[in-house]
Protein backbone atom coordinates (compact mmCIF):
# COMPACT_ATOMS: atom_id res chain seq x y z
CA LEU A 1 0.18 0.01 -0.54
CA TYR A 2 1.46 3.57 -1.04
CA ILE A 3 0.11 6.76 0.20
CA ASP A 4 0.86 9.79 -0.59
CA GLY A 5 0.39 13.83 0.06
CA PRO A 6 -0.91 15.24 3.14
CA PHE A 7 -3.43 13.75 3.84
CA GLY A 8 -5.49 13.85 7.66
CA SER A 9 -4.76 16.69 8.61
CA PRO A 10 -6.64 20.17 8.00
CA PHE A 11 -3.41 21.44 6.77
CA GLU A 12 -4.07 19.20 3.35
CA GLU A 13 -6.91 22.17 3.02
CA SER A 14 -3.92 24.76 2.39
CA LEU A 15 -3.06 23.88 -1.60
CA ASN A 16 -7.05 24.04 -2.07
CA TYR A 17 -6.82 27.85 -1.52
CA GLU A 18 -4.98 30.04 -4.31
CA VAL A 19 -3.02 32.14 -0.94
CA SER A 20 -2.24 29.63 1.78
CA LEU A 21 -0.01 31.79 4.83
CA CYS A 22 1.03 28.80 7.02
CA VAL A 23 3.23 29.39 10.27
CA ALA A 24 5.28 27.42 12.18
CA GLY A 25 5.97 27.16 15.72
CA GLY A 26 9.18 25.15 16.59
CA ILE A 27 8.54 20.85 15.83
CA GLY A 28 4.63 22.46 15.08
CA VAL A 29 6.69 23.04 11.52
CA THR A 30 6.06 18.99 11.51
CA PRO A 31 2.41 18.69 9.64
CA PHE A 32 4.17 21.44 6.60
CA ALA A 33 5.86 18.98 5.77
CA SER A 34 4.62 16.78 3.36
CA ILE A 35 2.98 19.90 2.21
CA LEU A 36 6.20 20.75 0.93
CA ASN A 37 7.29 17.37 -0.15
CA THR A 38 4.52 17.16 -2.44
CA LEU A 39 5.69 20.84 -4.27
CA LEU A 40 8.21 19.65 -4.93
CA ASP A 41 6.90 16.57 -6.80
CA ASP A 42 4.42 18.29 -8.49
CA TRP A 43 3.11 22.29 -7.71
CA LYS A 44 0.20 21.89 -10.84
CA PRO A 45 -2.24 20.05 -10.49
CA TYR A 46 -3.01 22.33 -7.01
CA LYS A 47 -5.62 25.90 -7.36
CA LEU A 48 -2.07 26.77 -4.71
CA ARG A 49 0.10 29.81 -6.70
CA ARG A 50 1.22 31.93 -3.78
CA LEU A 51 2.53 30.17 -0.42
CA TYR A 52 3.91 32.06 2.42
CA PHE A 53 6.42 30.35 4.70
CA ILE A 54 6.49 30.62 8.71
CA TRP A 55 8.62 29.02 10.53
CA VAL A 56 9.80 30.63 14.40
CA CYS A 57 12.41 28.40 15.94
CA ARG A 58 14.31 28.93 19.74
CA ASP A 59 17.70 27.91 18.18
CA ILE A 60 19.63 26.78 14.31
CA GLN A 61 19.62 23.78 14.50
CA SER A 62 16.00 23.52 14.41
CA PHE A 63 16.68 24.79 11.29
CA GLN A 64 19.02 22.36 9.32
CA TRP A 65 16.63 19.79 9.46
CA PHE A 66 14.37 20.89 7.45
CA ALA A 67 16.95 23.40 5.04
CA ASP A 68 17.89 21.07 2.74
CA LEU A 69 14.02 21.01 1.80
CA LEU A 70 13.80 24.30 1.65
CA CYS A 71 16.60 24.54 -0.18
CA VAL A 72 15.40 22.24 -2.75
CA LEU A 73 12.03 23.79 -3.17
CA HIS A 74 13.68 27.59 -3.73
CA ASN A 75 15.93 26.35 -6.39
CA LYS A 76 12.57 25.10 -7.94
CA PHE A 77 10.65 27.50 -8.38
CA TRP A 78 13.00 29.91 -9.54
CA GLN A 79 14.52 27.18 -12.62
CA GLU A 80 10.78 26.62 -13.04
CA ASN A 81 10.24 31.44 -13.24
CA ARG A 82 8.25 31.02 -10.34
CA PRO A 83 10.65 32.66 -7.31
CA ASP A 84 7.55 34.31 -5.90
CA TYR A 85 5.30 30.83 -5.77
CA VAL A 86 7.07 30.04 -2.13
CA ASN A 87 7.41 33.09 -0.30
CA VAL A 88 10.04 30.98 3.02
CA GLN A 89 10.66 33.57 6.86
CA LEU A 90 12.65 32.15 9.14
CA TYR A 91 12.55 33.48 12.71
CA LEU A 92 15.40 32.66 15.12
CA SER A 93 14.51 33.81 19.11
CA GLN A 94 17.69 32.75 20.37
CA THR A 95 21.34 33.90 18.53
CA ASP A 96 23.61 31.56 19.82
CA GLY A 97 24.59 29.82 16.88
CA ILE A 98 23.16 31.08 14.81
CA GLN A 99 26.79 31.77 11.44
CA LYS A 100 26.32 27.82 11.55
CA ILE A 101 23.62 27.67 8.78
CA ILE A 102 25.74 31.05 7.30
CA GLY A 103 27.26 29.69 4.29
CA GLU A 104 27.66 28.43 0.67
CA LYS A 105 24.34 25.79 0.95
CA TYR A 106 22.15 27.69 2.48
CA GLU A 107 23.01 31.21 0.65
CA ALA A 108 18.89 30.85 -0.37
CA LEU A 109 17.87 30.79 2.99
CA ASN A 110 20.69 32.40 4.11
CA SER A 111 18.41 36.44 3.59
CA ARG A 112 15.09 34.57 4.80
CA LEU A 113 17.04 33.82 8.19
CA PHE A 114 15.32 36.47 10.75
CA ILE A 115 15.85 37.50 13.94
CA GLY A 116 13.10 37.72 17.42
CA ARG A 117 9.88 37.03 16.68
CA PRO A 118 7.88 38.00 13.75
CA ARG A 119 5.64 40.87 13.55
CA TRP A 120 2.28 39.42 12.84
CA LYS A 121 0.22 42.19 12.57
CA LEU A 122 2.64 44.50 9.50
CA LEU A 123 2.85 40.07 8.10
CA PHE A 124 -1.12 40.26 7.80
CA ASP A 125 -1.63 43.84 6.51
CA GLU A 126 1.78 43.03 4.04
CA ILE A 127 -0.41 39.40 3.06
CA ALA A 128 -3.63 41.08 2.33
CA LYS A 129 -2.21 43.78 0.75
CA CYS A 130 -0.45 42.15 -1.53
CA ASN A 131 -3.09 39.82 -2.53
CA ARG A 132 -6.88 42.07 -2.32
CA GLY A 133 -9.63 40.72 -2.51
CA LYS A 134 -8.76 37.06 -2.29
CA THR A 135 -9.37 34.29 1.11
CA VAL A 136 -6.22 33.01 2.07
CA GLY A 137 -5.84 29.99 4.40
CA VAL A 138 -4.47 30.29 7.68
CA PHE A 139 -2.19 27.26 8.50
CA CYS A 140 -1.14 26.98 12.22
CA CYS A 141 0.95 24.65 14.63
CA GLY A 142 3.06 25.67 17.32
CA PRO A 143 2.41 27.63 21.40
CA ASN A 144 -0.99 28.42 21.65
CA SER A 145 0.22 31.44 21.95
CA ILE A 146 1.23 31.65 18.19
CA SER A 147 -2.23 30.18 16.67
CA LYS A 148 -4.26 32.46 19.21
CA THR A 149 -2.75 36.20 17.91
CA LEU A 150 -3.01 34.77 14.09
CA HIS A 151 -6.20 33.72 14.54
CA LYS A 152 -7.49 37.29 16.09
CA LEU A 153 -5.47 38.99 13.30
CA SER A 154 -7.49 36.65 10.36
CA ASN A 155 -10.53 37.94 12.48
CA ARG A 156 -9.34 41.70 11.98
CA TYR A 157 -11.07 43.67 8.79
CA ASN A 158 -8.66 44.76 6.63
CA LEU A 159 -8.18 47.85 4.24
CA TYR A 160 -7.79 45.68 1.22
CA GLY A 161 -10.73 43.33 0.91
CA THR A 162 -9.07 40.71 1.71
CA ARG A 163 -10.50 38.01 3.77
CA PHE A 164 -8.51 35.16 5.64
CA GLU A 165 -9.83 31.61 7.29
CA TYR A 166 -8.02 30.26 10.02
CA ASN A 167 -6.94 26.59 10.81
CA LYS A 168 -6.05 25.16 12.84
CA GLU A 169 -3.26 21.45 14.69
CA SER A 170 -2.58 21.02 17.68
CA PHE A 171 -0.39 18.18 19.46
CA SER A 172 -1.62 17.96 22.45
């Protein structure tokens, strides 16, 4: 028996939106691994045309096991002349060992690595502005504090007519 794809999770719906915002906190990245692998295989059969992928972690080592997949995905879309298909932002809340990800192997991620936590309101405003009048699927897996903030911002009015639909998965 062979099963391929992100099934059995609310996150499989992220492929059914034209625009999706996927936010992972720490090990909350796990459900997104299958989605990103699916896009690596073939993105064309899905409705998704723009994916914002945000990952917040405490230490740089957490990024490294996933960095190869993110770099391969980035390179694939650049080669297919779709550099804007996936917008990756990595946030490191502790700065110990930051130099370990900097290097030629992960060059595609170096400019997407930020110190601190995301400024969620600014991020939502920017996504709303770039996707006027569209419905954006918001998918979160991580700590309750991030989840509550994203849920609140998803329900907030914006000037651009963009609708945010919130979805959550937790390991608790």
